Amino acid sequence: MGTYHIFTEANRYYHQNHDKTMFKIELVGLSKQSVFLNGLLAVMPQKEITDIIKTDLIVIPAVAPNFTALDAQNTPFLDWIRNQYTHGANVASMCTGAYILASTGLLEKKTVRSIGVLKQILSSYFPISS
């Protein structure tokens, strides 16, 4: 939720100075169903990925600690990210969201910047450069 907060605050600040917002922020998911994280936090996407035809930027947030178990259920999401990238979207990730980004194949043979432990884990799964 940190990513959402950062962009929301940037919009608020920009609106105060320019009387308009800078970003259209949409929280998307495979469905609009709420997802509980560790039984503490419910995330409710505003739209389904199929509702977004084209976007300029995708920011993949940090994911659950057992991110390697997410592969099978995220195949449609990975396909959507690749398709958006092919059509011009910039794609970034935060923290363990790098695992989902790497799972798309978009990082193959690219230089990746991350914290040491996460970088070691990523390089054990994916062909990335230091």
Protein backbone atom coordinates (compact mmCIF):
# COMPACT_ATOMS: atom_id res chain seq x y z
CA MET A 1 0.00 0.00 0.00
CA GLY A 2 3.04 2.24 0.28
CA THR A 3 3.17 2.72 -3.48
CA TYR A 4 -0.49 3.75 -3.58
CA HIS A 5 0.11 6.20 -0.75
CA ILE A 6 3.18 7.75 -2.42
CA PHE A 7 1.34 8.43 -5.69
CA THR A 8 -1.77 9.68 -3.85
CA GLU A 9 0.33 12.13 -1.85
CA ALA A 10 2.14 13.28 -5.02
CA ASN A 11 -1.27 13.96 -6.58
CA ARG A 12 -2.43 15.88 -3.50
CA TYR A 13 0.70 18.05 -3.50
CA TYR A 14 0.53 18.67 -7.26
CA HIS A 15 -3.17 19.53 -7.04
CA GLN A 16 -2.46 22.14 -4.34
CA ASN A 17 0.00 23.89 -6.64
CA HIS A 18 -1.52 23.33 -10.09
CA ASP A 19 -5.26 22.77 -9.51
CA LYS A 20 -5.13 19.38 -11.22
CA THR A 21 -3.73 15.95 -10.49
CA MET A 22 -0.73 14.38 -12.14
CA PHE A 23 -1.62 10.67 -11.98
CA LYS A 24 -4.71 8.55 -12.50
CA ILE A 25 -4.14 5.90 -9.84
CA GLU A 26 -5.93 2.59 -10.15
CA LEU A 27 -5.42 -0.43 -7.94
CA VAL A 28 -5.96 -3.47 -10.16
CA GLY A 29 -6.11 -7.20 -9.57
CA LEU A 30 -7.20 -10.45 -11.12
CA SER A 31 -10.64 -9.79 -9.62
CA LYS A 32 -12.32 -7.08 -7.53
CA GLN A 33 -12.51 -9.51 -4.62
CA SER A 34 -10.79 -8.48 -1.40
CA VAL A 35 -7.58 -10.30 -0.60
CA PHE A 36 -6.39 -10.61 2.99
CA LEU A 37 -2.68 -10.33 3.64
CA ASN A 38 -1.55 -12.26 6.69
CA GLY A 39 -5.11 -12.01 8.03
CA LEU A 40 -4.52 -8.35 8.88
CA LEU A 41 -5.05 -6.23 5.81
CA ALA A 42 -7.69 -6.45 3.11
CA VAL A 43 -6.75 -5.22 -0.36
CA MET A 44 -9.70 -4.46 -2.61
CA PRO A 45 -8.76 -3.72 -6.23
CA GLN A 46 -10.72 -0.94 -7.90
CA LYS A 47 -10.61 -2.66 -11.29
CA GLU A 48 -9.78 -6.00 -12.83
CA ILE A 49 -6.74 -6.19 -15.10
CA THR A 50 -9.08 -6.97 -18.01
CA ASP A 51 -10.63 -3.48 -17.53
CA ILE A 52 -7.30 -1.77 -18.27
CA ILE A 53 -6.64 -1.71 -22.01
CA LYS A 54 -3.57 0.55 -21.88
CA THR A 55 -1.59 2.15 -19.08
CA ASP A 56 1.60 4.20 -18.88
CA LEU A 57 3.03 2.78 -15.67
CA ILE A 58 2.69 -0.40 -13.65
CA VAL A 59 4.21 -0.49 -10.17
CA ILE A 60 4.28 -3.97 -8.67
CA PRO A 61 4.22 -3.65 -4.88
CA ALA A 62 5.90 -5.88 -2.34
CA VAL A 63 4.20 -9.27 -2.15
CA ALA A 64 3.71 -11.94 0.49
CA PRO A 65 6.87 -13.39 2.08
CA ASN A 66 6.36 -16.73 0.32
CA PHE A 67 6.42 -15.10 -3.11
CA THR A 68 7.72 -18.21 -4.90
CA ALA A 69 4.36 -19.91 -4.22
CA LEU A 70 2.53 -17.26 -6.25
CA ASP A 71 3.53 -18.47 -9.73
CA ALA A 72 0.54 -20.54 -10.87
CA GLN A 73 -2.17 -18.18 -9.68
CA ASN A 74 -0.46 -15.14 -11.22
CA THR A 75 -0.11 -16.37 -14.81
CA PRO A 76 -2.87 -14.04 -16.12
CA PHE A 77 -1.28 -11.14 -14.24
CA LEU A 78 2.16 -11.90 -15.71
CA ASP A 79 0.67 -12.09 -19.21
CA TRP A 80 -1.09 -8.74 -18.66
CA ILE A 81 2.13 -7.07 -17.49
CA ARG A 82 4.04 -8.38 -20.54
CA ASN A 83 1.26 -7.18 -22.86
CA GLN A 84 1.18 -3.72 -21.28
CA TYR A 85 4.98 -3.50 -21.56
CA THR A 86 4.83 -4.51 -25.24
CA HIS A 87 2.35 -1.67 -25.79
CA GLY A 88 4.56 0.96 -24.14
CA ALA A 89 3.97 0.77 -20.39
CA ASN A 90 6.87 1.27 -18.04
CA VAL A 91 7.06 -1.44 -15.38
CA ALA A 92 8.68 -1.12 -11.97
CA SER A 93 8.57 -3.06 -8.74
CA MET A 94 9.15 -2.45 -5.08
CA CYS A 95 10.88 -4.85 -2.71
CA THR A 96 9.71 -8.46 -3.20
CA GLY A 97 7.49 -7.34 -6.11
CA ALA A 98 10.74 -7.81 -8.05
CA TYR A 99 9.97 -11.55 -8.02
CA ILE A 100 6.75 -10.98 -9.97
CA LEU A 101 8.53 -8.61 -12.34
CA ALA A 102 11.32 -11.16 -12.90
CA SER A 103 8.66 -13.86 -13.45
CA THR A 104 7.44 -11.92 -16.50
CA GLY A 105 10.78 -12.46 -18.22
CA LEU A 106 11.19 -8.71 -18.71
CA LEU A 107 14.36 -8.65 -16.60
CA GLU A 108 16.22 -11.35 -18.52
CA LYS A 109 19.83 -10.32 -19.07
CA LYS A 110 19.10 -6.89 -17.60
CA THR A 111 20.91 -5.26 -14.71
CA VAL A 112 18.83 -5.39 -11.54
CA ARG A 113 19.25 -3.19 -8.47
CA SER A 114 17.92 -4.62 -5.24
CA ILE A 115 18.95 -5.37 -1.69
CA GLY A 116 21.57 -8.09 -1.41
CA VAL A 117 19.45 -10.92 0.00
CA LEU A 118 16.61 -10.39 -2.48
CA LYS A 119 19.06 -10.09 -5.35
CA GLN A 120 20.64 -13.42 -4.39
CA ILE A 121 17.20 -15.07 -4.30
CA LEU A 122 16.21 -13.56 -7.65
CA SER A 123 19.44 -14.61 -9.34
CA SER A 124 18.91 -18.19 -8.15
CA TYR A 125 15.58 -18.28 -10.04
CA PHE A 126 16.15 -15.94 -12.99
CA PRO A 127 18.92 -15.02 -15.46
CA ILE A 128 19.67 -11.45 -14.30
CA SER A 129 22.87 -9.42 -14.27
CA SER A 130 24.44 -7.61 -11.35
